[in-house]
Every structure is written in C-alpha cells, then in structure tokens.
C-alpha cells in the first residue's frame, strides 16, 4: 500500500506544477489592432498570418514569398502578421 503512494506522489506533484505553469501570464504581442489604420471605403484589405511554429516541424517552406496577381508582395516569415490594401477587383 505504501509503495503505491510513493509512485503517485511524484506524479501528483508534476501534474500540479503543470497546472501552475499553465496559469502563468503569456507574453503580450508588440502590435495591436488599434495601431492598424482604418480601411478606406474604396479599398480591400488582405491579411497574411503565419504561425510561429510549423506543425510537425515542417521547415521545407522556410520563408515563402506571397504573390498577388503573379507579382511578389512580401516574404512570410514565421510568426509574422501583415496586411496589404488593394483596389477592389485587382
């Protein structure tokens, strides 16, 4: 009976630590939506969002180039968010 408590105690402590660490404050991003200018009524906005870590460790597409109408717009590095305003229909 005592042997069971010796193996369960460290597991309980580890689970408790995981819960406490999960409650820690996450770092805040440096940009906010408040800093994005309002969209003009005659424009269309396209957002490009790329997550910081590729799922499954896929590094084959390191910094892909984003194209619009066969013209390069910008590279999409990991963890970046950007937008571009276009005339509608282009």
Protein backbone atom coordinates (compact mmCIF):
# COMPACT_ATOMS: atom_id res chain seq x y z
CA UNK A 1 0.00 0.00 0.00
CA UNK A 2 2.81 2.41 0.86
CA UNK A 3 4.55 1.61 -2.42
CA UNK A 4 1.54 2.95 -4.37
CA UNK A 5 1.74 6.33 -2.60
CA UNK A 6 5.45 6.64 -3.38
CA UNK A 7 4.76 6.37 -7.11
CA UNK A 8 1.61 8.50 -7.10
CA UNK A 9 3.09 11.41 -5.12
CA UNK A 10 5.66 12.49 -7.76
CA UNK A 11 3.04 12.18 -10.48
CA UNK A 12 0.67 14.40 -8.50
CA UNK A 13 3.39 16.98 -7.90
CA UNK A 14 4.26 17.06 -11.62
CA UNK A 15 0.62 17.49 -12.60
CA UNK A 16 0.24 20.29 -10.05
CA UNK A 17 3.29 22.08 -11.44
CA UNK A 18 1.94 21.80 -14.98
CA UNK A 19 -1.31 23.41 -13.88
CA UNK A 20 0.51 26.27 -12.15
CA UNK A 21 2.82 26.88 -15.13
CA UNK A 22 -0.15 26.86 -17.48
CA UNK A 23 -1.72 29.70 -15.50
CA UNK A 24 1.33 31.97 -15.91
CA UNK A 25 0.85 35.15 -17.91
CA UNK A 26 1.65 34.83 -21.58
CA UNK A 27 3.93 37.41 -23.21
CA UNK A 28 1.99 40.18 -24.89
CA UNK A 29 2.39 40.84 -28.59
CA UNK A 30 4.12 44.02 -29.68
CA UNK A 31 1.47 45.05 -32.20
CA UNK A 32 -2.21 45.59 -31.61
CA UNK A 33 -5.19 46.03 -33.84
CA UNK A 34 -5.52 49.58 -32.53
CA UNK A 35 -2.37 50.54 -34.49
CA UNK A 36 -3.87 49.42 -37.81
CA UNK A 37 -5.28 52.35 -39.76
CA UNK A 38 -8.91 52.29 -40.82
CA UNK A 39 -9.63 50.85 -44.24
CA UNK A 40 -10.67 53.36 -46.88
CA UNK A 41 -14.08 52.69 -48.37
CA UNK A 42 -12.62 52.26 -51.85
CA UNK A 43 -10.04 49.62 -50.81
CA UNK A 44 -9.95 45.91 -49.94
CA UNK A 45 -7.61 44.58 -47.23
CA UNK A 46 -5.85 41.20 -47.35
CA UNK A 47 -4.23 39.84 -44.19
CA UNK A 48 -1.38 37.31 -44.20
CA UNK A 49 -0.90 35.40 -40.95
CA UNK A 50 1.81 32.81 -40.35
CA UNK A 51 2.08 30.83 -37.14
CA UNK A 52 5.39 30.84 -35.23
CA UNK A 53 5.98 27.08 -35.42
CA UNK A 54 5.16 24.88 -38.37
CA UNK A 55 3.03 21.84 -37.49
CA UNK A 56 5.09 18.69 -37.39
CA UNK A 57 8.34 20.64 -37.68
CA UNK A 58 7.91 21.31 -41.40
CA UNK A 59 10.81 23.55 -42.35
CA UNK A 60 10.70 22.87 -46.09
CA UNK A 61 8.90 26.17 -46.72
CA UNK A 62 11.22 28.35 -44.66
CA UNK A 63 10.17 31.85 -45.79
CA UNK A 64 7.73 31.54 -48.68
CA UNK A 65 7.10 34.51 -50.94
CA UNK A 66 3.48 35.70 -51.13
CA UNK A 67 2.38 36.59 -54.65
CA UNK A 68 -0.57 38.70 -55.75
CA UNK A 69 -1.56 38.56 -59.41
CA UNK A 70 1.82 36.96 -60.26
CA UNK A 71 3.73 39.82 -58.61
CA UNK A 72 5.71 39.28 -55.38
CA UNK A 73 4.17 41.04 -52.37
CA UNK A 74 6.34 40.03 -49.38
CA UNK A 75 8.01 37.09 -47.69
CA UNK A 76 6.05 35.36 -44.96
CA UNK A 77 8.48 34.66 -42.12
CA UNK A 78 7.38 32.52 -39.18
CA UNK A 79 5.34 34.38 -36.59
CA UNK A 80 4.55 37.37 -38.80
CA UNK A 81 1.30 39.16 -39.48
CA UNK A 82 0.88 41.80 -42.13
CA UNK A 83 -1.73 43.24 -44.45
CA UNK A 84 -1.88 44.99 -47.77
CA UNK A 85 -4.63 47.21 -49.14
CA UNK A 86 -5.71 46.71 -52.75
CA UNK A 87 -8.14 48.33 -55.11
CA UNK A 88 -11.17 46.02 -55.35
CA UNK A 89 -11.10 43.77 -58.39
CA UNK A 90 -7.30 43.72 -58.74
